[in-house]
Amino acid sequence: MKEVPLKVDEIYVPTKRRKTFEEDKAESLAEDILENGQQRPIQVRQGKGRLVLIEGLHRLEAVKLLGEETIQGYIVSARQF
């Protein structure tokens, strides 16, 4: 898997995942990213003309707080059930 820069405003966050958001955690991560850089890429998948977040909600929200336009991530394959 290759790590790539992803445009923050092109990533869709499903409602179910958004319900797990904790603002304090995102703010803390934003401080850490500012000091140390992004340590772990997020994971997204392709979905109907957009990227859908799989893993990394707080990292995504943290870079938004920092005003960043891109975030490092992996584009992974969606599993068929």
Protein backbone atom coordinates (compact mmCIF):
# COMPACT_ATOMS: atom_id res chain seq x y z
CA MET A 1 0.00 0.00 0.00
CA LYS A 2 1.32 3.41 -0.95
CA GLU A 3 0.81 6.47 1.25
CA VAL A 4 -0.60 9.40 -0.74
CA PRO A 5 -1.71 12.98 -0.01
CA LEU A 6 -5.51 13.28 0.03
CA LYS A 7 -7.55 16.47 -0.24
CA VAL A 8 -9.31 16.99 3.09
CA ASP A 9 -12.44 18.49 1.51
CA GLU A 10 -12.91 15.45 -0.75
CA ILE A 11 -13.23 12.96 2.11
CA TYR A 12 -16.74 11.94 3.14
CA VAL A 13 -17.26 10.90 6.76
CA PRO A 14 -20.20 8.49 7.24
CA THR A 15 -22.75 9.52 9.88
CA LYS A 16 -22.08 6.40 11.97
CA ARG A 17 -18.37 7.24 12.15
CA ARG A 18 -19.02 10.95 12.85
CA LYS A 19 -20.98 9.98 15.99
CA THR A 20 -17.71 8.74 17.55
CA PHE A 21 -16.08 12.19 17.27
CA GLU A 22 -14.58 13.70 20.44
CA GLU A 23 -13.49 17.33 20.04
CA ASP A 24 -10.93 17.20 22.87
CA LYS A 25 -9.20 14.25 21.21
CA ALA A 26 -9.00 16.10 17.86
CA GLU A 27 -7.59 19.21 19.54
CA SER A 28 -4.96 17.16 21.34
CA LEU A 29 -4.02 15.40 18.11
CA ALA A 30 -3.81 18.76 16.30
CA GLU A 31 -1.20 19.91 18.83
CA ASP A 32 0.74 16.67 18.40
CA ILE A 33 0.62 16.91 14.59
CA LEU A 34 1.80 20.51 14.78
CA GLU A 35 4.79 19.49 16.91
CA ASN A 36 5.65 16.08 15.43
CA GLY A 37 3.90 15.81 12.06
CA GLN A 38 1.29 13.25 11.11
CA GLN A 39 2.55 9.89 12.35
CA ARG A 40 -0.17 7.55 11.04
CA PRO A 41 -1.96 7.88 7.71
CA ILE A 42 -5.74 7.69 7.56
CA GLN A 43 -7.55 5.05 5.49
CA VAL A 44 -10.19 5.78 2.87
CA ARG A 45 -11.93 3.80 0.13
CA GLN A 46 -13.39 4.79 -3.21
CA GLY A 47 -17.15 5.13 -3.12
CA LYS A 48 -19.53 6.53 -5.75
CA GLY A 49 -17.29 9.34 -6.96
CA ARG A 50 -15.83 10.26 -3.59
CA LEU A 51 -13.42 9.05 -0.94
CA VAL A 52 -15.07 7.54 2.14
CA LEU A 53 -13.28 7.57 5.49
CA ILE A 54 -12.65 4.14 7.00
CA GLU A 55 -10.13 4.93 9.75
CA GLY A 56 -8.74 8.18 11.16
CA LEU A 57 -11.62 10.51 12.02
CA HIS A 58 -9.72 12.36 14.75
CA ARG A 59 -6.61 12.74 12.58
CA LEU A 60 -8.78 14.14 9.78
CA GLU A 61 -10.51 16.60 12.10
CA ALA A 62 -7.16 17.57 13.65
CA VAL A 63 -5.68 18.59 10.30
CA LYS A 64 -8.88 20.52 9.55
CA LEU A 65 -8.35 22.43 12.82
CA LEU A 66 -4.83 23.23 11.64
CA GLY A 67 -6.18 24.57 8.34
CA GLU A 68 -4.43 21.96 6.23
CA GLU A 69 -5.76 21.18 2.76
CA THR A 70 -4.27 17.68 2.53
CA ILE A 71 -3.71 14.69 4.79
CA GLN A 72 -1.57 11.60 4.30
CA GLY A 73 -3.55 8.43 3.78
CA TYR A 74 -4.01 5.05 2.16
CA ILE A 75 -6.68 4.26 -0.40
CA VAL A 76 -7.77 0.72 0.44
CA SER A 77 -10.09 -1.72 -1.27
CA ALA A 78 -13.61 -2.09 0.11
CA ARG A 79 -14.50 -5.62 1.14
CA GLN A 80 -17.35 -7.31 -0.68
CA PHE A 81 -19.67 -9.31 1.63
